[in-house]
Amino acid sequence: MIIVIDGPAGSGKSSTAKAIANRLNIQFLDSGALYRALTYLWLAAGKPDKAEFFENLPETVLQAEYRDQNFFVHLNGEDITENIRTQLVANHVSEIASHSQARDFVNNFMRNLVKNDTYVADGRDLGTAVFPDADLKFYMDASIDERAKRRFKEMKQSNSSVTLEEVKENIKARDHTDQNRKKDPLKKADDAITIDTTGKTFEEQLNEMIAVIEEKLKLKS
């Protein structure tokens, strides 16, 4: 079983999906972390020619695991969970994620991962491209100012030099790239339930979504 949560950067998808997983005792899948992993790999290799990079991508060993309320990512045997959360990776992730080879690689990884358990996953095109037959679909959104403040607060924990304006501009750029890419652009699935989190507390949005899940899928917290 798979529950998907799509939406733009900073809308609260990842933290909400993780909280849902913890509340319902199911698995959490952070699709954004997987694209960040590929971006980190490209940056660590010195930004090689993308055609060559994607040609060698099938040789990459990607592993992901949710345990102790954390989503761990390993790349070719290396734990890169912390490395992928930097501003440098955030600044380049759309550059990599917009390529069809990257999306095919990550999508296939996710489809194989969720075959044997119940998952909640967050992303940008899960309900439209990756899991069109998902058991339940949400689309989360919020104003650009609120999304920037949330992401800024999150990033300040690991990057004291980042500014709110930098984060806001990065989110605007991410929105434009995600919404206008040729391969699987960001958009709301026709059968997704919209959750506008502007002005809501985290507990309010979480309880709203948990109530829908319990009603429609009969999963109990």
N, C-alpha and C. Protein backbone atom coordinates (compact mmCIF):
# COMPACT_ATOMS: atom_id res chain seq x y z
N MET A 1 0.85 -1.19 0.00
CA MET A 1 0.00 0.00 0.00
C MET A 1 0.88 1.24 0.00
N ILE A 2 0.48 2.26 -0.75
CA ILE A 2 1.27 3.47 -0.83
C ILE A 2 0.36 4.70 -0.73
N ILE A 3 0.72 5.60 0.17
CA ILE A 3 0.08 6.91 0.30
C ILE A 3 1.08 7.93 -0.20
N VAL A 4 0.68 8.81 -1.12
CA VAL A 4 1.62 9.77 -1.67
C VAL A 4 1.20 11.19 -1.31
N ILE A 5 2.21 12.02 -1.10
CA ILE A 5 2.01 13.44 -0.80
C ILE A 5 2.88 14.25 -1.75
N ASP A 6 2.26 14.96 -2.67
CA ASP A 6 2.98 15.82 -3.61
C ASP A 6 2.82 17.27 -3.20
N GLY A 7 3.67 18.12 -3.77
CA GLY A 7 3.57 19.54 -3.50
C GLY A 7 4.90 20.23 -3.76
N PRO A 8 4.91 21.55 -3.79
CA PRO A 8 6.13 22.30 -4.06
C PRO A 8 7.10 22.29 -2.88
N ALA A 9 8.31 22.78 -3.11
CA ALA A 9 9.34 22.83 -2.08
C ALA A 9 8.87 23.65 -0.88
N GLY A 10 9.12 23.13 0.31
CA GLY A 10 8.80 23.86 1.52
C GLY A 10 7.35 23.82 1.94
N SER A 11 6.55 23.00 1.32
CA SER A 11 5.12 22.95 1.66
C SER A 11 4.85 22.09 2.89
N GLY A 12 5.88 21.41 3.39
CA GLY A 12 5.73 20.60 4.59
C GLY A 12 5.52 19.12 4.32
N LYS A 13 5.76 18.70 3.07
CA LYS A 13 5.51 17.31 2.68
C LYS A 13 6.32 16.31 3.49
N SER A 14 7.62 16.55 3.56
CA SER A 14 8.51 15.56 4.15
C SER A 14 8.26 15.40 5.65
N SER A 15 8.19 16.50 6.37
CA SER A 15 7.96 16.42 7.82
C SER A 15 6.59 15.82 8.13
N THR A 16 5.59 16.14 7.30
CA THR A 16 4.25 15.60 7.51
C THR A 16 4.21 14.11 7.20
N ALA A 17 4.83 13.72 6.10
CA ALA A 17 4.86 12.30 5.73
C ALA A 17 5.56 11.48 6.81
N LYS A 18 6.64 12.01 7.35
CA LYS A 18 7.37 11.31 8.40
C LYS A 18 6.51 11.17 9.66
N ALA A 19 5.79 12.24 10.00
CA ALA A 19 4.93 12.19 11.18
C ALA A 19 3.78 11.20 10.98
N ILE A 20 3.24 11.13 9.76
CA ILE A 20 2.19 10.16 9.46
C ILE A 20 2.73 8.74 9.62
N ALA A 21 3.94 8.51 9.11
CA ALA A 21 4.56 7.18 9.23
C ALA A 21 4.72 6.79 10.69
N ASN A 22 5.16 7.74 11.50
CA ASN A 22 5.38 7.45 12.92
C ASN A 22 4.05 7.22 13.64
N ARG A 23 3.05 8.02 13.31
CA ARG A 23 1.75 7.91 13.98
C ARG A 23 1.06 6.58 13.62
N LEU A 24 1.19 6.17 12.36
CA LEU A 24 0.49 4.97 11.89
C LEU A 24 1.38 3.72 11.88
N ASN A 25 2.65 3.91 12.28
CA ASN A 25 3.60 2.80 12.32
C ASN A 25 3.78 2.14 10.96
N ILE A 26 3.99 2.97 9.94
CA ILE A 26 4.26 2.49 8.58
C ILE A 26 5.60 3.06 8.12
N GLN A 27 6.03 2.69 6.91
CA GLN A 27 7.32 3.12 6.39
C GLN A 27 7.23 4.51 5.75
N PHE A 28 8.32 5.27 5.86
CA PHE A 28 8.41 6.59 5.24
C PHE A 28 9.42 6.55 4.11
N LEU A 29 9.05 7.14 2.97
CA LEU A 29 9.93 7.21 1.81
C LEU A 29 10.09 8.67 1.38
N ASP A 30 11.30 9.18 1.48
CA ASP A 30 11.62 10.56 1.13
C ASP A 30 12.21 10.60 -0.28
N SER A 31 11.35 10.84 -1.27
CA SER A 31 11.83 10.81 -2.66
C SER A 31 12.82 11.95 -2.93
N GLY A 32 12.62 13.09 -2.28
CA GLY A 32 13.52 14.21 -2.49
C GLY A 32 14.95 13.88 -2.08
N ALA A 33 15.09 13.07 -1.04
CA ALA A 33 16.42 12.67 -0.58
C ALA A 33 17.14 11.85 -1.64
N LEU A 34 16.39 11.10 -2.42
CA LEU A 34 17.00 10.27 -3.46
C LEU A 34 17.54 11.13 -4.60
N TYR A 35 16.80 12.18 -4.96
CA TYR A 35 17.30 13.11 -5.98
C TYR A 35 18.48 13.92 -5.45
N ARG A 36 18.43 14.24 -4.17
CA ARG A 36 19.57 14.92 -3.56
C ARG A 36 20.81 14.02 -3.58
N ALA A 37 20.59 12.72 -3.43
CA ALA A 37 21.71 11.78 -3.45
C ALA A 37 22.39 11.78 -4.81
N LEU A 38 21.60 11.78 -5.87
CA LEU A 38 22.19 11.82 -7.22
C LEU A 38 22.90 13.14 -7.46
N THR A 39 22.32 14.22 -6.94
CA THR A 39 22.94 15.54 -7.09
C THR A 39 24.27 15.58 -6.35
N TYR A 40 24.28 15.03 -5.15
CA TYR A 40 25.53 14.96 -4.38
C TYR A 40 26.59 14.16 -5.13
N LEU A 41 26.18 13.05 -5.73
CA LEU A 41 27.10 12.22 -6.50
C LEU A 41 27.71 13.01 -7.65
N TRP A 42 26.88 13.77 -8.34
CA TRP A 42 27.35 14.58 -9.48
C TRP A 42 28.31 15.68 -9.01
N LEU A 43 27.97 16.34 -7.91
CA LEU A 43 28.83 17.41 -7.38
C LEU A 43 30.16 16.84 -6.88
N ALA A 44 30.09 15.70 -6.19
CA ALA A 44 31.30 15.09 -5.64
C ALA A 44 32.25 14.63 -6.74
N ALA A 45 31.68 14.33 -7.90
CA ALA A 45 32.49 13.90 -9.04
C ALA A 45 33.07 15.09 -9.81
N GLY A 46 32.76 16.31 -9.35
CA GLY A 46 33.29 17.50 -10.01
C GLY A 46 32.43 18.02 -11.14
N LYS A 47 31.14 17.78 -11.09
CA LYS A 47 30.18 18.23 -12.12
C LYS A 47 30.59 17.75 -13.51
N PRO A 48 30.70 16.45 -13.70
CA PRO A 48 31.09 15.94 -15.03
C PRO A 48 30.01 16.20 -16.07
N ASP A 49 30.35 15.98 -17.32
CA ASP A 49 29.37 16.09 -18.40
C ASP A 49 28.17 15.22 -18.06
N LYS A 50 26.99 15.80 -18.18
CA LYS A 50 25.79 15.09 -17.73
C LYS A 50 25.51 13.85 -18.55
N ALA A 51 25.79 13.88 -19.84
CA ALA A 51 25.57 12.70 -20.67
C ALA A 51 26.40 11.52 -20.16
N GLU A 52 27.64 11.80 -19.81
CA GLU A 52 28.51 10.75 -19.26
C GLU A 52 28.04 10.33 -17.88
N PHE A 53 27.62 11.29 -17.07
CA PHE A 53 27.16 11.00 -15.71
C PHE A 53 25.96 10.06 -15.75
N PHE A 54 24.97 10.37 -16.58
CA PHE A 54 23.76 9.55 -16.63
C PHE A 54 24.03 8.20 -17.29
N GLU A 55 25.00 8.15 -18.18
CA GLU A 55 25.35 6.88 -18.81
C GLU A 55 25.89 5.90 -17.78
N ASN A 56 26.60 6.42 -16.79
CA ASN A 56 27.19 5.57 -15.76
C ASN A 56 26.27 5.37 -14.55
N LEU A 57 25.12 6.04 -14.55
CA LEU A 57 24.22 5.99 -13.39
C LEU A 57 23.74 4.58 -13.04
N PRO A 58 23.45 3.70 -14.02
CA PRO A 58 22.99 2.35 -13.66
C PRO A 58 23.97 1.57 -12.79
N GLU A 59 25.24 1.97 -12.78
CA GLU A 59 26.25 1.28 -11.97
C GLU A 59 26.20 1.74 -10.51
N THR A 60 25.44 2.80 -10.23
CA THR A 60 25.36 3.35 -8.88
C THR A 60 24.51 2.46 -7.98
N VAL A 61 24.99 2.21 -6.78
CA VAL A 61 24.26 1.41 -5.80
C VAL A 61 23.63 2.37 -4.79
N LEU A 62 22.31 2.51 -4.87
CA LEU A 62 21.57 3.39 -3.98
C LEU A 62 20.78 2.55 -2.98
N GLN A 63 20.87 2.92 -1.71
CA GLN A 63 20.14 2.22 -0.65
C GLN A 63 19.47 3.24 0.26
N ALA A 64 18.28 2.90 0.73
CA ALA A 64 17.55 3.81 1.62
C ALA A 64 16.83 2.99 2.68
N GLU A 65 16.77 3.54 3.88
CA GLU A 65 16.15 2.84 4.99
C GLU A 65 15.57 3.84 5.98
N TYR A 66 14.36 3.57 6.44
CA TYR A 66 13.75 4.41 7.47
C TYR A 66 13.80 3.66 8.79
N ARG A 67 14.55 4.22 9.73
CA ARG A 67 14.66 3.61 11.05
C ARG A 67 14.96 4.70 12.08
N ASP A 68 14.51 4.46 13.29
CA ASP A 68 14.71 5.42 14.38
C ASP A 68 14.23 6.82 13.99
N GLN A 69 13.14 6.84 13.20
CA GLN A 69 12.51 8.08 12.75
C GLN A 69 13.43 8.94 11.91
N ASN A 70 14.34 8.31 11.19
CA ASN A 70 15.24 9.01 10.26
C ASN A 70 15.31 8.25 8.94
N PHE A 71 15.40 9.00 7.84
CA PHE A 71 15.52 8.41 6.52
C PHE A 71 17.00 8.42 6.12
N PHE A 72 17.61 7.25 6.13
CA PHE A 72 19.03 7.12 5.84
C PHE A 72 19.25 6.78 4.37
N VAL A 73 20.25 7.41 3.78
CA VAL A 73 20.59 7.18 2.38
C VAL A 73 22.05 6.79 2.28
N HIS A 74 22.31 5.69 1.58
CA HIS A 74 23.67 5.24 1.31
C HIS A 74 23.89 5.21 -0.20
N LEU A 75 25.05 5.68 -0.60
CA LEU A 75 25.40 5.72 -2.02
C LEU A 75 26.73 5.02 -2.20
N ASN A 76 26.71 3.91 -2.94
CA ASN A 76 27.92 3.11 -3.16
C ASN A 76 28.59 2.77 -1.83
N GLY A 77 27.77 2.43 -0.84
CA GLY A 77 28.28 2.00 0.45
C GLY A 77 28.57 3.12 1.43
N GLU A 78 28.46 4.38 1.01
CA GLU A 78 28.76 5.52 1.88
C GLU A 78 27.47 6.12 2.43
N ASP A 79 27.45 6.38 3.73
CA ASP A 79 26.31 7.04 4.37
C ASP A 79 26.38 8.53 4.03
N ILE A 80 25.45 9.01 3.22
CA ILE A 80 25.46 10.42 2.81
C ILE A 80 24.24 11.16 3.34
N THR A 81 23.64 10.63 4.39
CA THR A 81 22.41 11.20 4.94
C THR A 81 22.57 12.67 5.27
N GLU A 82 23.67 13.06 5.88
CA GLU A 82 23.91 14.45 6.24
C GLU A 82 24.42 15.26 5.06
N ASN A 83 25.23 14.66 4.20
CA ASN A 83 25.85 15.37 3.08
C ASN A 83 24.83 15.95 2.11
N ILE A 84 23.66 15.31 1.98
CA ILE A 84 22.71 15.73 0.96
C ILE A 84 21.83 16.89 1.42
N ARG A 85 22.01 17.36 2.66
CA ARG A 85 21.14 18.42 3.20
C ARG A 85 21.80 19.80 3.17
N THR A 86 22.81 19.97 2.35
CA THR A 86 23.49 21.26 2.29
C THR A 86 22.83 22.19 1.28
N GLN A 87 23.11 23.49 1.40
CA GLN A 87 22.58 24.47 0.46
C GLN A 87 23.14 24.23 -0.95
N LEU A 88 24.39 23.77 -1.03
CA LEU A 88 25.00 23.51 -2.33
C LEU A 88 24.21 22.45 -3.10
N VAL A 89 23.84 21.38 -2.41
CA VAL A 89 23.03 20.34 -3.05
C VAL A 89 21.65 20.90 -3.41
N ALA A 90 21.05 21.66 -2.52
CA ALA A 90 19.73 22.25 -2.79
C ALA A 90 19.76 23.15 -4.01
N ASN A 91 20.86 23.87 -4.21
CA ASN A 91 20.96 24.79 -5.33
C ASN A 91 21.04 24.08 -6.68
N HIS A 92 21.43 22.81 -6.67
CA HIS A 92 21.64 22.08 -7.93
C HIS A 92 20.68 20.93 -8.15
N VAL A 93 19.83 20.61 -7.16
CA VAL A 93 19.04 19.39 -7.27
C VAL A 93 18.08 19.41 -8.45
N SER A 94 17.47 20.56 -8.75
CA SER A 94 16.55 20.61 -9.90
C SER A 94 17.29 20.40 -11.22
N GLU A 95 18.55 20.80 -11.24
CA GLU A 95 19.37 20.63 -12.43
C GLU A 95 19.55 19.16 -12.79
N ILE A 96 19.62 18.32 -11.77
CA ILE A 96 19.76 16.89 -11.98
C ILE A 96 18.39 16.22 -12.09
N ALA A 97 17.47 16.59 -11.20
CA ALA A 97 16.16 15.93 -11.14
C ALA A 97 15.32 16.18 -12.38
N SER A 98 15.63 17.22 -13.14
CA SER A 98 14.84 17.53 -14.33
C SER A 98 15.16 16.59 -15.50
N HIS A 99 16.22 15.80 -15.40
CA HIS A 99 16.61 14.90 -16.49
C HIS A 99 15.84 13.58 -16.39
N SER A 100 15.39 13.11 -17.53
CA SER A 100 14.58 11.88 -17.56
C SER A 100 15.35 10.68 -17.02
N GLN A 101 16.68 10.64 -17.26
CA GLN A 101 17.46 9.50 -16.77
C GLN A 101 17.47 9.44 -15.25
N ALA A 102 17.55 10.61 -14.62
CA ALA A 102 17.52 10.67 -13.16
C ALA A 102 16.17 10.24 -12.64
N ARG A 103 15.11 10.70 -13.27
CA ARG A 103 13.76 10.39 -12.82
C ARG A 103 13.46 8.90 -13.01
N ASP A 104 13.89 8.34 -14.12
CA ASP A 104 13.68 6.91 -14.37
C ASP A 104 14.41 6.07 -13.32
N PHE A 105 15.64 6.47 -12.99
CA PHE A 105 16.45 5.74 -12.02
C PHE A 105 15.77 5.76 -10.65
N VAL A 106 15.37 6.95 -10.19
CA VAL A 106 14.76 7.09 -8.87
C VAL A 106 13.37 6.43 -8.83
N ASN A 107 12.59 6.62 -9.90
CA ASN A 107 11.25 6.04 -9.94
C ASN A 107 11.28 4.53 -9.85
N ASN A 108 12.18 3.90 -10.60
CA ASN A 108 12.31 2.45 -10.55
C ASN A 108 12.74 1.98 -9.17
N PHE A 109 13.64 2.74 -8.55
CA PHE A 109 14.10 2.40 -7.20
C PHE A 109 12.93 2.43 -6.23
N MET A 110 12.11 3.48 -6.30
CA MET A 110 10.98 3.62 -5.38
C MET A 110 9.92 2.54 -5.61
N ARG A 111 9.62 2.24 -6.85
CA ARG A 111 8.60 1.22 -7.14
C ARG A 111 9.01 -0.13 -6.59
N ASN A 112 10.29 -0.44 -6.69
CA ASN A 112 10.77 -1.72 -6.16
C ASN A 112 10.76 -1.71 -4.63
N LEU A 113 11.05 -0.56 -4.04
CA LEU A 113 11.15 -0.46 -2.59
C LEU A 113 9.81 -0.70 -1.90
N VAL A 114 8.73 -0.22 -2.50
CA VAL A 114 7.43 -0.23 -1.80
C VAL A 114 6.61 -1.50 -2.04
N LYS A 115 7.19 -2.48 -2.71
CA LYS A 115 6.42 -3.67 -3.08
C LYS A 115 5.98 -4.50 -1.88
N ASN A 116 6.74 -4.47 -0.80
CA ASN A 116 6.51 -5.43 0.27
C ASN A 116 6.11 -4.83 1.61
N ASP A 117 5.64 -3.58 1.61
CA ASP A 117 5.25 -2.98 2.89
C ASP A 117 4.29 -1.82 2.62
N THR A 118 3.82 -1.18 3.69
CA THR A 118 2.95 -0.01 3.58
C THR A 118 3.80 1.24 3.77
N TYR A 119 3.75 2.14 2.80
CA TYR A 119 4.59 3.33 2.80
C TYR A 119 3.76 4.60 2.67
N VAL A 120 4.31 5.68 3.19
CA VAL A 120 3.86 7.03 2.85
C VAL A 120 5.07 7.72 2.26
N ALA A 121 4.88 8.34 1.10
CA ALA A 121 6.00 8.95 0.38
C ALA A 121 5.66 10.37 -0.01
N ASP A 122 6.68 11.23 -0.03
CA ASP A 122 6.45 12.60 -0.47
C ASP A 122 7.34 12.93 -1.66
N GLY A 123 6.83 13.80 -2.53
CA GLY A 123 7.58 14.18 -3.72
C GLY A 123 6.87 15.27 -4.49
N ARG A 124 7.10 15.26 -5.81
CA ARG A 124 6.50 16.28 -6.66
C ARG A 124 5.64 15.70 -7.78
N ASP A 125 5.90 14.45 -8.13
CA ASP A 125 5.14 13.84 -9.23
C ASP A 125 4.73 12.42 -8.89
N LEU A 126 4.65 12.11 -7.61
CA LEU A 126 4.36 10.73 -7.21
C LEU A 126 2.96 10.30 -7.64
N GLY A 127 1.98 11.16 -7.42
CA GLY A 127 0.60 10.80 -7.74
C GLY A 127 0.28 10.83 -9.21
N THR A 128 1.10 11.52 -10.01
CA THR A 128 0.84 11.64 -11.44
C THR A 128 1.71 10.71 -12.28
N ALA A 129 2.97 10.52 -11.89
CA ALA A 129 3.90 9.77 -12.73
C ALA A 129 4.41 8.49 -12.11
N VAL A 130 4.74 8.51 -10.82
CA VAL A 130 5.40 7.36 -10.21
C VAL A 130 4.40 6.32 -9.73
N PHE A 131 3.39 6.80 -8.97
CA PHE A 131 2.37 5.90 -8.43
C PHE A 131 0.97 6.40 -8.81
N PRO A 132 0.62 6.36 -10.10
CA PRO A 132 -0.70 6.86 -10.52
C PRO A 132 -1.85 6.07 -9.91
N ASP A 133 -1.58 4.85 -9.45
CA ASP A 133 -2.61 4.02 -8.83
C ASP A 133 -2.45 3.97 -7.31
N ALA A 134 -1.85 4.99 -6.73
CA ALA A 134 -1.64 5.03 -5.28
C ALA A 134 -2.98 4.89 -4.55
N ASP A 135 -2.94 4.29 -3.37
CA ASP A 135 -4.15 4.06 -2.59
C ASP A 135 -4.78 5.36 -2.12
N LEU A 136 -3.95 6.38 -1.90
CA LEU A 136 -4.46 7.69 -1.47
C LEU A 136 -3.44 8.75 -1.87
N LYS A 137 -3.96 9.88 -2.37
CA LYS A 137 -3.09 10.96 -2.84
C LYS A 137 -3.45 12.27 -2.15
N PHE A 138 -2.41 12.98 -1.70
CA PHE A 138 -2.56 14.32 -1.16
C PHE A 138 -1.73 15.29 -1.99
N TYR A 139 -2.16 16.55 -2.02
CA TYR A 139 -1.34 17.62 -2.62
C TYR A 139 -1.27 18.74 -1.60
N MET A 140 -0.08 18.96 -1.04
CA MET A 140 0.11 19.99 -0.03
C MET A 140 0.65 21.26 -0.66
N ASP A 141 0.20 22.40 -0.14
CA ASP A 141 0.67 23.68 -0.66
C ASP A 141 0.63 24.72 0.45
N ALA A 142 1.33 25.84 0.24
CA ALA A 142 1.34 26.96 1.17
C ALA A 142 1.89 28.16 0.41
N SER A 143 1.73 29.35 0.96
CA SER A 143 2.24 30.56 0.32
C SER A 143 3.76 30.49 0.22
N ILE A 144 4.35 31.22 -0.74
CA ILE A 144 5.80 31.22 -0.93
C ILE A 144 6.51 31.73 0.31
N ASP A 145 5.95 32.75 0.98
CA ASP A 145 6.60 33.29 2.17
C ASP A 145 6.62 32.26 3.30
N GLU A 146 5.53 31.56 3.48
CA GLU A 146 5.48 30.56 4.54
C GLU A 146 6.40 29.39 4.23
N ARG A 147 6.44 28.98 2.99
CA ARG A 147 7.32 27.87 2.62
C ARG A 147 8.78 28.24 2.82
N ALA A 148 9.15 29.48 2.49
CA ALA A 148 10.53 29.93 2.67
C ALA A 148 10.92 29.98 4.14
N LYS A 149 10.01 30.46 4.99
CA LYS A 149 10.29 30.52 6.42
C LYS A 149 10.50 29.13 7.00
N ARG A 150 9.69 28.17 6.57
CA ARG A 150 9.83 26.80 7.06
C ARG A 150 11.16 26.19 6.66
N ARG A 151 11.51 26.34 5.39
CA ARG A 151 12.75 25.76 4.89
C ARG A 151 13.96 26.46 5.53
N PHE A 152 13.86 27.78 5.73
CA PHE A 152 14.94 28.54 6.37
C PHE A 152 15.19 28.04 7.78
N LYS A 153 14.13 27.82 8.55
CA LYS A 153 14.25 27.33 9.91
C LYS A 153 14.91 25.95 9.93
N GLU A 154 14.55 25.12 8.96
CA GLU A 154 15.12 23.77 8.86
C GLU A 154 16.60 23.82 8.53
N MET A 155 16.97 24.68 7.57
CA MET A 155 18.34 24.72 7.09
C MET A 155 19.28 25.43 8.05
N LYS A 156 18.77 26.34 8.88
CA LYS A 156 19.62 27.06 9.83
C LYS A 156 20.26 26.11 10.83
N GLN A 157 19.66 24.96 11.03
CA GLN A 157 20.19 23.99 11.98
C GLN A 157 21.54 23.43 11.54
N SER A 158 21.75 23.37 10.22
CA SER A 158 23.00 22.80 9.70
C SER A 158 23.83 23.81 8.91
N ASN A 159 23.24 25.00 8.61
CA ASN A 159 23.95 25.99 7.82
C ASN A 159 23.64 27.38 8.36
N SER A 160 24.48 27.87 9.27
CA SER A 160 24.21 29.14 9.94
C SER A 160 24.37 30.35 9.03
N SER A 161 25.00 30.18 7.87
CA SER A 161 25.25 31.32 6.99
C SER A 161 24.13 31.58 6.00
N VAL A 162 23.20 30.65 5.84
CA VAL A 162 22.13 30.81 4.86
C VAL A 162 21.18 31.92 5.31
N THR A 163 20.65 32.68 4.33
CA THR A 163 19.71 33.76 4.64
C THR A 163 18.32 33.39 4.16
N LEU A 164 17.31 34.04 4.74
CA LEU A 164 15.92 33.80 4.35
C LEU A 164 15.71 34.15 2.88
N GLU A 165 16.32 35.23 2.43
CA GLU A 165 16.14 35.64 1.04
C GLU A 165 16.74 34.61 0.08
N GLU A 166 17.89 34.04 0.44
CA GLU A 166 18.50 33.00 -0.38
C GLU A 166 17.58 31.79 -0.49
N VAL A 167 17.00 31.42 0.63
CA VAL A 167 16.10 30.27 0.64
C VAL A 167 14.87 30.56 -0.21
N LYS A 168 14.31 31.77 -0.09
CA LYS A 168 13.13 32.14 -0.86
C LYS A 168 13.41 32.11 -2.36
N GLU A 169 14.54 32.65 -2.76
CA GLU A 169 14.89 32.66 -4.18
C GLU A 169 15.12 31.25 -4.69
N ASN A 170 15.72 30.40 -3.86
CA ASN A 170 15.94 29.01 -4.25
C ASN A 170 14.62 28.29 -4.46
N ILE A 171 13.64 28.54 -3.58
CA ILE A 171 12.33 27.90 -3.70
C ILE A 171 11.62 28.39 -4.95
N LYS A 172 11.72 29.69 -5.25
CA LYS A 172 11.11 30.22 -6.46
C LYS A 172 11.70 29.54 -7.70
N ALA A 173 13.02 29.38 -7.69
CA ALA A 173 13.68 28.74 -8.83
C ALA A 173 13.27 27.28 -8.93
N ARG A 174 13.17 26.60 -7.78
CA ARG A 174 12.74 25.21 -7.78
C ARG A 174 11.32 25.09 -8.34
N ASP A 175 10.43 25.97 -7.91
CA ASP A 175 9.05 25.94 -8.39
C ASP A 175 9.00 26.07 -9.91
N HIS A 176 9.76 27.05 -10.43
CA HIS A 176 9.73 27.29 -11.87
C HIS A 176 10.26 26.09 -12.64
N THR A 177 11.37 25.53 -12.17
CA THR A 177 11.96 24.37 -12.85
C THR A 177 11.04 23.16 -12.76
N ASP A 178 10.51 22.90 -11.57
CA ASP A 178 9.67 21.72 -11.37
C ASP A 178 8.37 21.79 -12.17
N GLN A 179 7.79 22.99 -12.26
CA GLN A 179 6.51 23.14 -12.95
C GLN A 179 6.65 23.18 -14.47
N ASN A 180 7.87 23.45 -14.96
CA ASN A 180 8.05 23.62 -16.40
C ASN A 180 8.94 22.58 -17.05
N ARG A 181 9.40 21.59 -16.28
CA ARG A 181 10.23 20.56 -16.90
C ARG A 181 9.37 19.70 -17.83
N LYS A 182 10.01 19.18 -18.87
CA LYS A 182 9.29 18.38 -19.86
C LYS A 182 8.89 17.01 -19.30
N LYS A 183 9.76 16.45 -18.47
CA LYS A 183 9.52 15.11 -17.93
C LYS A 183 8.84 15.21 -16.58
N ASP A 184 7.57 14.76 -16.50
CA ASP A 184 6.84 14.66 -15.24
C ASP A 184 6.88 15.95 -14.41
N PRO A 185 6.32 17.04 -14.91
CA PRO A 185 6.33 18.30 -14.16
C PRO A 185 5.48 18.22 -12.90
N LEU A 186 5.77 19.13 -11.97
CA LEU A 186 5.00 19.21 -10.74
C LEU A 186 3.58 19.68 -11.06
N LYS A 187 2.61 18.86 -10.67
CA LYS A 187 1.20 19.26 -10.81
C LYS A 187 0.36 18.38 -9.91
N LYS A 188 -0.82 18.87 -9.60
CA LYS A 188 -1.72 18.14 -8.72
C LYS A 188 -2.43 17.04 -9.51
N ALA A 189 -2.43 15.83 -8.98
CA ALA A 189 -3.18 14.73 -9.61
C ALA A 189 -4.67 15.03 -9.51
N ASP A 190 -5.41 14.64 -10.52
CA ASP A 190 -6.85 14.93 -10.55
C ASP A 190 -7.59 14.36 -9.34
N ASP A 191 -7.12 13.22 -8.82
CA ASP A 191 -7.80 12.58 -7.70
C ASP A 191 -7.11 12.82 -6.36
N ALA A 192 -6.21 13.83 -6.31
CA ALA A 192 -5.52 14.15 -5.06
C ALA A 192 -6.36 15.08 -4.19
N ILE A 193 -6.23 14.92 -2.89
CA ILE A 193 -6.91 15.78 -1.92
C ILE A 193 -5.98 16.94 -1.58
N THR A 194 -6.42 18.17 -1.80
CA THR A 194 -5.59 19.34 -1.54
C THR A 194 -5.59 19.70 -0.06
N ILE A 195 -4.39 19.92 0.47
CA ILE A 195 -4.21 20.36 1.85
C ILE A 195 -3.42 21.67 1.82
N ASP A 196 -4.10 22.80 2.04
CA ASP A 196 -3.43 24.10 2.09
C ASP A 196 -3.02 24.35 3.53
N THR A 197 -1.70 24.41 3.76
CA THR A 197 -1.20 24.51 5.14
C THR A 197 -0.90 25.93 5.57
N THR A 198 -1.19 26.91 4.72
CA THR A 198 -0.95 28.30 5.08
C THR A 198 -1.73 28.66 6.34
N GLY A 199 -1.01 29.14 7.35
CA GLY A 199 -1.67 29.56 8.59
C GLY A 199 -2.03 28.45 9.54
N LYS A 200 -1.74 27.21 9.17
CA LYS A 200 -2.07 26.08 10.04
C LYS A 200 -0.85 25.65 10.84
N THR A 201 -1.09 25.17 12.05
CA THR A 201 0.00 24.59 12.82
C THR A 201 0.29 23.21 12.25
N PHE A 202 1.45 22.69 12.63
CA PHE A 202 1.82 21.37 12.14
C PHE A 202 0.83 20.32 12.61
N GLU A 203 0.42 20.40 13.86
CA GLU A 203 -0.53 19.43 14.40
C GLU A 203 -1.87 19.50 13.69
N GLU A 204 -2.29 20.69 13.32
CA GLU A 204 -3.57 20.85 12.61
C GLU A 204 -3.54 20.16 11.25
N GLN A 205 -2.47 20.38 10.49
CA GLN A 205 -2.40 19.75 9.17
C GLN A 205 -2.22 18.24 9.29
N LEU A 206 -1.45 17.82 10.29
CA LEU A 206 -1.24 16.39 10.50
C LEU A 206 -2.54 15.69 10.87
N ASN A 207 -3.27 16.25 11.81
CA ASN A 207 -4.53 15.64 12.24
C ASN A 207 -5.55 15.60 11.10
N GLU A 208 -5.55 16.63 10.26
CA GLU A 208 -6.47 16.67 9.12
C GLU A 208 -6.20 15.51 8.17
N MET A 209 -4.92 15.25 7.90
CA MET A 209 -4.56 14.19 6.97
C MET A 209 -4.73 12.81 7.58
N ILE A 210 -4.40 12.67 8.87
CA ILE A 210 -4.59 11.40 9.56
C ILE A 210 -6.07 11.00 9.53
N ALA A 211 -6.95 11.98 9.73
CA ALA A 211 -8.38 11.70 9.73
C ALA A 211 -8.83 11.17 8.38
N VAL A 212 -8.31 11.72 7.29
CA VAL A 212 -8.66 11.26 5.95
C VAL A 212 -8.15 9.84 5.74
N ILE A 213 -6.92 9.57 6.16
CA ILE A 213 -6.32 8.24 5.99
C ILE A 213 -7.12 7.19 6.76
N GLU A 214 -7.49 7.52 8.00
CA GLU A 214 -8.24 6.57 8.81
C GLU A 214 -9.62 6.30 8.22
N GLU A 215 -10.22 7.33 7.64
CA GLU A 215 -11.54 7.16 7.04
C GLU A 215 -11.49 6.35 5.76
N LYS A 216 -10.53 6.67 4.89
CA LYS A 216 -10.51 6.07 3.55
C LYS A 216 -9.77 4.74 3.48
N LEU A 217 -8.74 4.58 4.30
CA LEU A 217 -7.91 3.35 4.22
C LEU A 217 -8.05 2.47 5.46
N LYS A 218 -8.74 2.97 6.45
CA LYS A 218 -8.99 2.20 7.68
C LYS A 218 -7.71 1.89 8.44
N LEU A 219 -6.66 2.71 8.21
CA LEU A 219 -5.44 2.57 9.01
C LEU A 219 -5.67 3.34 10.31
N LYS A 220 -5.26 2.76 11.42
CA LYS A 220 -5.53 3.37 12.72
C LYS A 220 -4.24 3.79 13.42
N SER A 221 -4.29 4.97 14.04
CA SER A 221 -3.14 5.45 14.79
C SER A 221 -3.19 4.93 16.22
